[in-house]
Amino acid sequence: MTDYTGPLAEFDRALSRATTPDAPFDALLELTRAVVGTKLFTFMTADMKTETASRSYTSHPEEYPVSGTKPIHYDRWFETVHKKRECFVANTLADIDTVFPDATLIGKLGCGSVINLPVVLGDTLVGTVNMLDVEHHYTPERVALAKAWLSVPAKAAYLASRQLKDG
């Protein structure tokens, strides 16, 4: 098994030096690239009181800007991520198209598979780490690695980003 302690230590160093709200997510993006790989990476926050989601971070600001909100849809994705608090995984663009209305844009960016990793704090889903890559990229082994190596760093990045934003 590959040793990811080096990338995790680098994440820790970057998080310790973060001075802007994006810096913790920049560090999480680099850790994600090292552990499971990703072409497109976003972090979405969820507000169940208003039933909206908003993008807090993106690796592709032109295609996926950090602005505005979108309504939360109650579908199989919601059931998996929000209710069961499990990773949602789709490994073909056709499967992505069944839950995400932006599947065409996802395909244009060379992506065809996704992992949405739930981020839960205080027994509340506060957001998701969204990793996208080529079709069939997110094998069961990569999904297991994402859960094992990215869950705690995702919480740390979220909290650090909020702290830096709120001052």
N, C-alpha and C. Protein backbone atom coordinates (compact mmCIF):
# COMPACT_ATOMS: atom_id res chain seq x y z
N MET A 1 0.84 -1.18 0.00
CA MET A 1 0.00 0.00 0.00
C MET A 1 0.89 1.25 0.00
N THR A 2 0.47 2.24 -0.74
CA THR A 2 1.22 3.49 -0.84
C THR A 2 1.18 4.25 0.48
N ASP A 3 2.28 4.87 0.83
CA ASP A 3 2.38 5.67 2.06
C ASP A 3 2.04 7.13 1.71
N TYR A 4 0.96 7.65 2.29
CA TYR A 4 0.53 9.02 2.02
C TYR A 4 0.91 9.97 3.15
N THR A 5 1.79 9.53 4.06
CA THR A 5 2.15 10.40 5.17
C THR A 5 2.89 11.65 4.69
N GLY A 6 3.64 11.55 3.61
CA GLY A 6 4.32 12.72 3.06
C GLY A 6 3.32 13.78 2.61
N PRO A 7 2.36 13.44 1.73
CA PRO A 7 1.34 14.42 1.34
C PRO A 7 0.50 14.91 2.52
N LEU A 8 0.25 14.05 3.49
CA LEU A 8 -0.51 14.49 4.67
C LEU A 8 0.31 15.49 5.49
N ALA A 9 1.59 15.25 5.62
CA ALA A 9 2.45 16.20 6.33
C ALA A 9 2.50 17.53 5.58
N GLU A 10 2.55 17.47 4.26
CA GLU A 10 2.54 18.70 3.46
C GLU A 10 1.22 19.45 3.62
N PHE A 11 0.12 18.72 3.68
CA PHE A 11 -1.19 19.34 3.95
C PHE A 11 -1.16 20.05 5.30
N ASP A 12 -0.61 19.38 6.31
CA ASP A 12 -0.54 19.96 7.65
C ASP A 12 0.30 21.25 7.64
N ARG A 13 1.44 21.22 6.95
CA ARG A 13 2.29 22.42 6.86
C ARG A 13 1.53 23.56 6.17
N ALA A 14 0.88 23.23 5.06
CA ALA A 14 0.15 24.26 4.31
C ALA A 14 -1.00 24.83 5.14
N LEU A 15 -1.69 23.97 5.85
CA LEU A 15 -2.80 24.42 6.70
C LEU A 15 -2.27 25.33 7.81
N SER A 16 -1.14 25.00 8.37
CA SER A 16 -0.53 25.81 9.43
C SER A 16 -0.13 27.19 8.95
N ARG A 17 0.19 27.29 7.67
CA ARG A 17 0.66 28.57 7.10
C ARG A 17 -0.46 29.34 6.40
N ALA A 18 -1.65 28.80 6.34
CA ALA A 18 -2.76 29.42 5.60
C ALA A 18 -3.11 30.79 6.18
N THR A 19 -3.26 31.76 5.29
CA THR A 19 -3.63 33.11 5.71
C THR A 19 -4.86 33.64 4.97
N THR A 20 -5.35 32.89 3.99
CA THR A 20 -6.55 33.29 3.25
C THR A 20 -7.57 32.15 3.31
N PRO A 21 -8.86 32.45 3.14
CA PRO A 21 -9.87 31.39 3.20
C PRO A 21 -9.70 30.29 2.15
N ASP A 22 -9.08 30.59 1.02
CA ASP A 22 -8.87 29.57 -0.01
C ASP A 22 -7.69 28.66 0.29
N ALA A 23 -6.73 29.13 1.06
CA ALA A 23 -5.49 28.37 1.29
C ALA A 23 -5.73 26.98 1.89
N PRO A 24 -6.63 26.81 2.86
CA PRO A 24 -6.87 25.45 3.36
C PRO A 24 -7.41 24.51 2.28
N PHE A 25 -8.24 25.05 1.39
CA PHE A 25 -8.77 24.22 0.31
C PHE A 25 -7.73 23.98 -0.78
N ASP A 26 -6.83 24.94 -0.99
CA ASP A 26 -5.70 24.69 -1.89
C ASP A 26 -4.90 23.49 -1.40
N ALA A 27 -4.67 23.45 -0.09
CA ALA A 27 -3.92 22.34 0.52
C ALA A 27 -4.68 21.03 0.39
N LEU A 28 -6.00 21.09 0.61
CA LEU A 28 -6.82 19.88 0.47
C LEU A 28 -6.83 19.39 -0.98
N LEU A 29 -6.86 20.30 -1.93
CA LEU A 29 -6.79 19.92 -3.35
C LEU A 29 -5.49 19.17 -3.63
N GLU A 30 -4.37 19.67 -3.15
CA GLU A 30 -3.09 19.00 -3.39
C GLU A 30 -3.05 17.62 -2.73
N LEU A 31 -3.59 17.51 -1.52
CA LEU A 31 -3.66 16.21 -0.87
C LEU A 31 -4.54 15.26 -1.67
N THR A 32 -5.65 15.75 -2.16
CA THR A 32 -6.57 14.93 -2.95
C THR A 32 -5.89 14.44 -4.23
N ARG A 33 -5.18 15.32 -4.89
CA ARG A 33 -4.45 14.92 -6.10
C ARG A 33 -3.45 13.81 -5.79
N ALA A 34 -2.78 13.91 -4.66
CA ALA A 34 -1.78 12.91 -4.29
C ALA A 34 -2.41 11.57 -3.90
N VAL A 35 -3.57 11.61 -3.26
CA VAL A 35 -4.17 10.38 -2.73
C VAL A 35 -5.04 9.66 -3.76
N VAL A 36 -5.94 10.36 -4.42
CA VAL A 36 -6.86 9.68 -5.35
C VAL A 36 -6.87 10.27 -6.75
N GLY A 37 -6.30 11.44 -6.92
CA GLY A 37 -6.33 12.11 -8.20
C GLY A 37 -7.63 12.86 -8.41
N THR A 38 -7.53 14.01 -9.08
CA THR A 38 -8.73 14.78 -9.42
C THR A 38 -8.38 15.79 -10.50
N LYS A 39 -9.27 15.91 -11.47
CA LYS A 39 -9.12 16.94 -12.51
C LYS A 39 -9.91 18.18 -12.13
N LEU A 40 -11.08 17.98 -11.56
CA LEU A 40 -11.97 19.06 -11.14
C LEU A 40 -12.28 18.84 -9.67
N PHE A 41 -12.15 19.91 -8.88
CA PHE A 41 -12.30 19.80 -7.43
C PHE A 41 -13.09 20.99 -6.94
N THR A 42 -14.14 20.73 -6.18
CA THR A 42 -14.90 21.82 -5.56
C THR A 42 -15.26 21.43 -4.13
N PHE A 43 -15.58 22.45 -3.34
CA PHE A 43 -16.13 22.23 -2.01
C PHE A 43 -17.44 22.99 -1.96
N MET A 44 -18.51 22.26 -1.67
CA MET A 44 -19.84 22.85 -1.56
C MET A 44 -20.27 22.83 -0.10
N THR A 45 -20.87 23.93 0.35
CA THR A 45 -21.45 23.96 1.69
C THR A 45 -22.95 23.74 1.55
N ALA A 46 -23.55 23.23 2.60
CA ALA A 46 -24.99 22.95 2.60
C ALA A 46 -25.64 23.70 3.75
N ASP A 47 -26.78 24.31 3.47
CA ASP A 47 -27.57 24.99 4.49
C ASP A 47 -28.98 24.41 4.42
N MET A 48 -29.26 23.47 5.31
CA MET A 48 -30.56 22.79 5.26
C MET A 48 -31.69 23.70 5.75
N LYS A 49 -31.38 24.74 6.49
CA LYS A 49 -32.44 25.68 6.91
C LYS A 49 -33.03 26.40 5.71
N THR A 50 -32.16 26.77 4.77
CA THR A 50 -32.63 27.45 3.55
C THR A 50 -32.73 26.49 2.37
N GLU A 51 -32.32 25.24 2.58
CA GLU A 51 -32.32 24.21 1.54
C GLU A 51 -31.54 24.66 0.30
N THR A 52 -30.35 25.23 0.57
CA THR A 52 -29.48 25.68 -0.51
C THR A 52 -28.06 25.16 -0.31
N ALA A 53 -27.35 25.11 -1.40
CA ALA A 53 -25.93 24.76 -1.40
C ALA A 53 -25.18 25.89 -2.09
N SER A 54 -23.94 26.10 -1.66
CA SER A 54 -23.11 27.11 -2.31
C SER A 54 -21.68 26.60 -2.44
N ARG A 55 -21.04 27.03 -3.51
CA ARG A 55 -19.67 26.61 -3.78
C ARG A 55 -18.72 27.51 -3.00
N SER A 56 -17.93 26.92 -2.12
CA SER A 56 -16.97 27.68 -1.32
C SER A 56 -15.59 27.72 -1.95
N TYR A 57 -15.30 26.72 -2.80
CA TYR A 57 -13.97 26.61 -3.39
C TYR A 57 -14.09 25.87 -4.71
N THR A 58 -13.23 26.23 -5.64
CA THR A 58 -13.22 25.56 -6.94
C THR A 58 -11.83 25.56 -7.54
N SER A 59 -11.51 24.49 -8.22
CA SER A 59 -10.25 24.43 -8.98
C SER A 59 -10.44 25.03 -10.37
N HIS A 60 -11.68 25.28 -10.77
CA HIS A 60 -12.00 25.80 -12.10
C HIS A 60 -12.94 27.00 -11.98
N PRO A 61 -12.40 28.17 -11.60
CA PRO A 61 -13.26 29.32 -11.33
C PRO A 61 -14.03 29.85 -12.54
N GLU A 62 -13.53 29.63 -13.73
CA GLU A 62 -14.28 30.10 -14.91
C GLU A 62 -15.52 29.25 -15.13
N GLU A 63 -15.38 27.94 -15.08
CA GLU A 63 -16.50 27.05 -15.34
C GLU A 63 -17.40 26.88 -14.11
N TYR A 64 -16.80 26.90 -12.93
CA TYR A 64 -17.53 26.70 -11.68
C TYR A 64 -17.17 27.80 -10.67
N PRO A 65 -17.71 29.00 -10.88
CA PRO A 65 -17.35 30.11 -9.99
C PRO A 65 -17.88 29.93 -8.57
N VAL A 66 -17.24 30.62 -7.66
CA VAL A 66 -17.66 30.65 -6.27
C VAL A 66 -18.60 31.85 -6.14
N SER A 67 -19.89 31.59 -6.31
CA SER A 67 -20.88 32.67 -6.20
C SER A 67 -22.27 32.07 -6.15
N GLY A 68 -23.16 32.77 -5.49
CA GLY A 68 -24.56 32.39 -5.46
C GLY A 68 -24.85 31.09 -4.74
N THR A 69 -26.09 30.68 -4.82
CA THR A 69 -26.55 29.44 -4.22
C THR A 69 -27.38 28.67 -5.23
N LYS A 70 -27.60 27.40 -4.92
CA LYS A 70 -28.50 26.60 -5.74
C LYS A 70 -29.36 25.76 -4.81
N PRO A 71 -30.58 25.45 -5.23
CA PRO A 71 -31.46 24.67 -4.35
C PRO A 71 -30.97 23.23 -4.20
N ILE A 72 -31.21 22.68 -3.03
CA ILE A 72 -30.90 21.28 -2.79
C ILE A 72 -32.04 20.44 -3.35
N HIS A 73 -31.69 19.43 -4.13
CA HIS A 73 -32.70 18.53 -4.72
C HIS A 73 -32.76 17.24 -3.90
N TYR A 74 -33.96 16.78 -3.69
CA TYR A 74 -34.17 15.55 -2.92
C TYR A 74 -34.25 14.38 -3.91
N ASP A 75 -33.11 13.73 -4.11
CA ASP A 75 -32.99 12.64 -5.07
C ASP A 75 -32.07 11.58 -4.48
N ARG A 76 -31.61 10.65 -5.32
CA ARG A 76 -30.75 9.58 -4.79
C ARG A 76 -29.41 10.11 -4.31
N TRP A 77 -28.91 11.19 -4.91
CA TRP A 77 -27.69 11.82 -4.43
C TRP A 77 -27.91 12.34 -3.01
N PHE A 78 -29.02 13.04 -2.78
CA PHE A 78 -29.34 13.58 -1.46
C PHE A 78 -29.48 12.44 -0.45
N GLU A 79 -30.15 11.39 -0.85
CA GLU A 79 -30.34 10.24 0.03
C GLU A 79 -28.99 9.65 0.46
N THR A 80 -28.08 9.53 -0.48
CA THR A 80 -26.76 8.95 -0.20
C THR A 80 -25.90 9.86 0.66
N VAL A 81 -25.77 11.12 0.25
CA VAL A 81 -24.83 12.03 0.88
C VAL A 81 -25.41 12.67 2.15
N HIS A 82 -26.61 13.21 2.05
CA HIS A 82 -27.18 13.93 3.19
C HIS A 82 -27.77 13.00 4.25
N LYS A 83 -28.56 12.04 3.81
CA LYS A 83 -29.24 11.18 4.79
C LYS A 83 -28.34 10.07 5.31
N LYS A 84 -27.70 9.32 4.40
CA LYS A 84 -26.86 8.20 4.83
C LYS A 84 -25.44 8.66 5.20
N ARG A 85 -25.07 9.85 4.73
CA ARG A 85 -23.74 10.41 4.96
C ARG A 85 -22.64 9.48 4.44
N GLU A 86 -22.89 8.99 3.25
CA GLU A 86 -21.95 8.14 2.55
C GLU A 86 -21.47 8.87 1.30
N CYS A 87 -20.36 8.41 0.76
CA CYS A 87 -19.87 8.96 -0.50
C CYS A 87 -20.83 8.61 -1.63
N PHE A 88 -21.10 9.58 -2.47
CA PHE A 88 -21.79 9.31 -3.72
C PHE A 88 -20.72 9.09 -4.76
N VAL A 89 -20.83 8.01 -5.52
CA VAL A 89 -19.85 7.69 -6.55
C VAL A 89 -20.59 7.38 -7.84
N ALA A 90 -20.13 8.00 -8.92
CA ALA A 90 -20.61 7.69 -10.27
C ALA A 90 -19.37 7.59 -11.15
N ASN A 91 -19.30 6.55 -11.96
CA ASN A 91 -18.08 6.33 -12.74
C ASN A 91 -18.25 6.46 -14.24
N THR A 92 -19.43 6.94 -14.67
CA THR A 92 -19.62 7.23 -16.09
C THR A 92 -20.35 8.56 -16.21
N LEU A 93 -20.16 9.22 -17.32
CA LEU A 93 -20.84 10.48 -17.56
C LEU A 93 -22.36 10.26 -17.63
N ALA A 94 -22.77 9.12 -18.17
CA ALA A 94 -24.20 8.81 -18.24
C ALA A 94 -24.80 8.72 -16.84
N ASP A 95 -24.07 8.12 -15.90
CA ASP A 95 -24.56 8.02 -14.52
C ASP A 95 -24.56 9.40 -13.85
N ILE A 96 -23.53 10.19 -14.11
CA ILE A 96 -23.48 11.56 -13.57
C ILE A 96 -24.69 12.35 -14.07
N ASP A 97 -25.04 12.17 -15.33
CA ASP A 97 -26.15 12.89 -15.94
C ASP A 97 -27.50 12.61 -15.26
N THR A 98 -27.60 11.50 -14.56
CA THR A 98 -28.87 11.18 -13.89
C THR A 98 -29.09 12.01 -12.63
N VAL A 99 -28.04 12.65 -12.12
CA VAL A 99 -28.20 13.46 -10.89
C VAL A 99 -27.67 14.89 -11.01
N PHE A 100 -26.79 15.16 -11.95
CA PHE A 100 -26.23 16.50 -12.07
C PHE A 100 -26.62 17.14 -13.40
N PRO A 101 -27.29 18.29 -13.37
CA PRO A 101 -27.73 18.93 -14.61
C PRO A 101 -26.59 19.49 -15.45
N ASP A 102 -25.38 19.57 -14.89
CA ASP A 102 -24.23 20.12 -15.61
C ASP A 102 -23.33 19.03 -16.19
N ALA A 103 -23.89 17.87 -16.46
CA ALA A 103 -23.10 16.74 -16.96
C ALA A 103 -22.39 17.08 -18.27
N THR A 104 -23.01 17.88 -19.12
CA THR A 104 -22.37 18.24 -20.39
C THR A 104 -21.08 19.01 -20.14
N LEU A 105 -21.13 19.98 -19.24
CA LEU A 105 -19.92 20.74 -18.90
C LEU A 105 -18.88 19.85 -18.25
N ILE A 106 -19.31 18.96 -17.38
CA ILE A 106 -18.39 18.01 -16.75
C ILE A 106 -17.66 17.21 -17.82
N GLY A 107 -18.39 16.72 -18.80
CA GLY A 107 -17.78 15.97 -19.90
C GLY A 107 -16.81 16.81 -20.72
N LYS A 108 -17.16 18.07 -20.96
CA LYS A 108 -16.28 18.97 -21.73
C LYS A 108 -14.96 19.21 -21.01
N LEU A 109 -14.98 19.09 -19.69
CA LEU A 109 -13.75 19.27 -18.91
C LEU A 109 -12.94 17.98 -18.82
N GLY A 110 -13.38 16.94 -19.53
CA GLY A 110 -12.64 15.68 -19.56
C GLY A 110 -12.94 14.78 -18.38
N CYS A 111 -14.04 15.04 -17.70
CA CYS A 111 -14.39 14.26 -16.52
C CYS A 111 -15.59 13.35 -16.82
N GLY A 112 -15.60 12.20 -16.15
CA GLY A 112 -16.70 11.27 -16.33
C GLY A 112 -16.93 10.41 -15.10
N SER A 113 -16.25 10.75 -14.00
CA SER A 113 -16.49 10.04 -12.74
C SER A 113 -16.41 11.05 -11.60
N VAL A 114 -17.07 10.71 -10.50
CA VAL A 114 -17.14 11.64 -9.38
C VAL A 114 -17.20 10.89 -8.05
N ILE A 115 -16.59 11.50 -7.04
CA ILE A 115 -16.81 11.13 -5.64
C ILE A 115 -17.26 12.41 -4.95
N ASN A 116 -18.38 12.34 -4.24
CA ASN A 116 -18.81 13.43 -3.36
C ASN A 116 -18.65 12.91 -1.94
N LEU A 117 -17.66 13.44 -1.23
CA LEU A 117 -17.34 13.03 0.13
C LEU A 117 -18.05 13.94 1.11
N PRO A 118 -18.97 13.41 1.93
CA PRO A 118 -19.66 14.26 2.90
C PRO A 118 -18.73 14.72 4.01
N VAL A 119 -18.93 15.97 4.44
CA VAL A 119 -18.17 16.54 5.54
C VAL A 119 -19.18 16.82 6.66
N VAL A 120 -19.05 16.09 7.76
CA VAL A 120 -20.02 16.15 8.85
C VAL A 120 -19.33 16.64 10.12
N LEU A 121 -19.92 17.66 10.72
CA LEU A 121 -19.43 18.21 11.99
C LEU A 121 -20.62 18.44 12.92
N GLY A 122 -20.47 18.10 14.18
CA GLY A 122 -21.56 18.30 15.12
C GLY A 122 -22.83 17.59 14.70
N ASP A 123 -22.67 16.43 14.08
CA ASP A 123 -23.78 15.62 13.57
C ASP A 123 -24.60 16.35 12.50
N THR A 124 -23.95 17.29 11.81
CA THR A 124 -24.61 18.04 10.73
C THR A 124 -23.73 17.98 9.50
N LEU A 125 -24.33 17.69 8.35
CA LEU A 125 -23.58 17.74 7.11
C LEU A 125 -23.36 19.21 6.76
N VAL A 126 -22.10 19.63 6.76
CA VAL A 126 -21.78 21.03 6.48
C VAL A 126 -21.35 21.24 5.04
N GLY A 127 -20.99 20.17 4.35
CA GLY A 127 -20.57 20.33 2.97
C GLY A 127 -20.12 19.03 2.35
N THR A 128 -19.63 19.15 1.11
CA THR A 128 -19.10 18.00 0.39
C THR A 128 -17.82 18.39 -0.33
N VAL A 129 -16.89 17.45 -0.35
CA VAL A 129 -15.71 17.56 -1.19
C VAL A 129 -16.07 16.82 -2.48
N ASN A 130 -15.95 17.51 -3.61
CA ASN A 130 -16.36 16.96 -4.89
C ASN A 130 -15.14 16.78 -5.78
N MET A 131 -14.85 15.52 -6.10
CA MET A 131 -13.68 15.17 -6.89
C MET A 131 -14.17 14.55 -8.19
N LEU A 132 -13.69 15.06 -9.31
CA LEU A 132 -14.08 14.53 -10.61
C LEU A 132 -12.85 14.23 -11.44
N ASP A 133 -12.92 13.14 -12.20
CA ASP A 133 -11.81 12.74 -13.07
C ASP A 133 -12.39 11.96 -14.25
N VAL A 134 -11.55 11.31 -15.02
CA VAL A 134 -11.99 10.57 -16.20
C VAL A 134 -12.91 9.42 -15.80
N GLU A 135 -13.67 8.92 -16.77
CA GLU A 135 -14.58 7.80 -16.50
C GLU A 135 -13.83 6.62 -15.88
N HIS A 136 -14.48 5.98 -14.95
CA HIS A 136 -13.99 4.78 -14.25
C HIS A 136 -12.75 5.02 -13.39
N HIS A 137 -12.45 6.28 -13.11
CA HIS A 137 -11.26 6.61 -12.31
C HIS A 137 -11.46 6.22 -10.84
N TYR A 138 -12.65 6.44 -10.32
CA TYR A 138 -12.87 6.23 -8.88
C TYR A 138 -13.30 4.80 -8.58
N THR A 139 -12.29 3.95 -8.61
CA THR A 139 -12.44 2.53 -8.31
C THR A 139 -12.80 2.36 -6.83
N PRO A 140 -13.28 1.20 -6.44
CA PRO A 140 -13.53 0.97 -5.01
C PRO A 140 -12.30 1.24 -4.14
N GLU A 141 -11.11 0.95 -4.65
CA GLU A 141 -9.89 1.21 -3.89
C GLU A 141 -9.68 2.71 -3.69
N ARG A 142 -9.91 3.50 -4.73
CA ARG A 142 -9.75 4.96 -4.60
C ARG A 142 -10.82 5.56 -3.70
N VAL A 143 -12.01 5.03 -3.76
CA VAL A 143 -13.07 5.51 -2.87
C VAL A 143 -12.68 5.24 -1.42
N ALA A 144 -12.16 4.05 -1.15
CA ALA A 144 -11.72 3.71 0.21
C ALA A 144 -10.58 4.63 0.66
N LEU A 145 -9.65 4.94 -0.24
CA LEU A 145 -8.57 5.87 0.09
C LEU A 145 -9.11 7.26 0.39
N ALA A 146 -10.08 7.72 -0.40
CA ALA A 146 -10.67 9.05 -0.17
C ALA A 146 -11.29 9.11 1.22
N LYS A 147 -12.04 8.09 1.58
CA LYS A 147 -12.67 8.06 2.91
C LYS A 147 -11.61 8.05 4.01
N ALA A 148 -10.58 7.22 3.84
CA ALA A 148 -9.58 7.04 4.89
C ALA A 148 -8.64 8.24 5.03
N TRP A 149 -8.26 8.85 3.93
CA TRP A 149 -7.22 9.88 3.97
C TRP A 149 -7.73 11.31 3.84
N LEU A 150 -8.97 11.50 3.39
CA LEU A 150 -9.43 12.87 3.12
C LEU A 150 -10.52 13.36 4.07
N SER A 151 -11.16 12.47 4.79
CA SER A 151 -12.28 12.88 5.64
C SER A 151 -11.87 13.87 6.73
N VAL A 152 -10.87 13.55 7.51
CA VAL A 152 -10.42 14.45 8.58
C VAL A 152 -9.79 15.72 8.00
N PRO A 153 -8.91 15.63 6.99
CA PRO A 153 -8.39 16.86 6.40
C PRO A 153 -9.48 17.77 5.81
N ALA A 154 -10.55 17.18 5.28
CA ALA A 154 -11.65 18.00 4.75
C ALA A 154 -12.31 18.80 5.87
N LYS A 155 -12.51 18.18 7.01
CA LYS A 155 -13.07 18.89 8.17
C LYS A 155 -12.13 20.02 8.59
N ALA A 156 -10.84 19.72 8.66
CA ALA A 156 -9.86 20.73 9.05
C ALA A 156 -9.83 21.89 8.06
N ALA A 157 -9.86 21.59 6.77
CA ALA A 157 -9.85 22.64 5.75
C ALA A 157 -11.10 23.52 5.86
N TYR A 158 -12.25 22.89 6.04
CA TYR A 158 -13.50 23.64 6.19
C TYR A 158 -13.43 24.58 7.40
N LEU A 159 -13.02 24.05 8.54
CA LEU A 159 -12.95 24.86 9.75
C LEU A 159 -11.91 25.97 9.64
N ALA A 160 -10.76 25.66 9.10
CA ALA A 160 -9.71 26.67 8.93
C ALA A 160 -10.16 27.78 7.98
N SER A 161 -10.81 27.40 6.90
CA SER A 161 -11.30 28.38 5.94
C SER A 161 -12.32 29.32 6.58
N ARG A 162 -13.22 28.75 7.35
CA ARG A 162 -14.23 29.57 8.05
C ARG A 162 -13.57 30.51 9.04
N GLN A 163 -12.59 29.99 9.77
CA GLN A 163 -11.88 30.82 10.73
C GLN A 163 -11.18 31.99 10.04
N LEU A 164 -10.54 31.72 8.93
CA LEU A 164 -9.83 32.78 8.21
C LEU A 164 -10.81 33.78 7.56
N LYS A 165 -11.97 33.30 7.17
CA LYS A 165 -12.98 34.17 6.57
C LYS A 165 -13.64 35.06 7.62
N ASP A 166 -13.97 34.46 8.76
CA ASP A 166 -14.69 35.18 9.81
C ASP A 166 -13.77 35.99 10.71
N GLY A 167 -12.46 35.70 10.61
CA GLY A 167 -11.48 36.44 11.38
C GLY A 167 -11.43 36.02 12.77
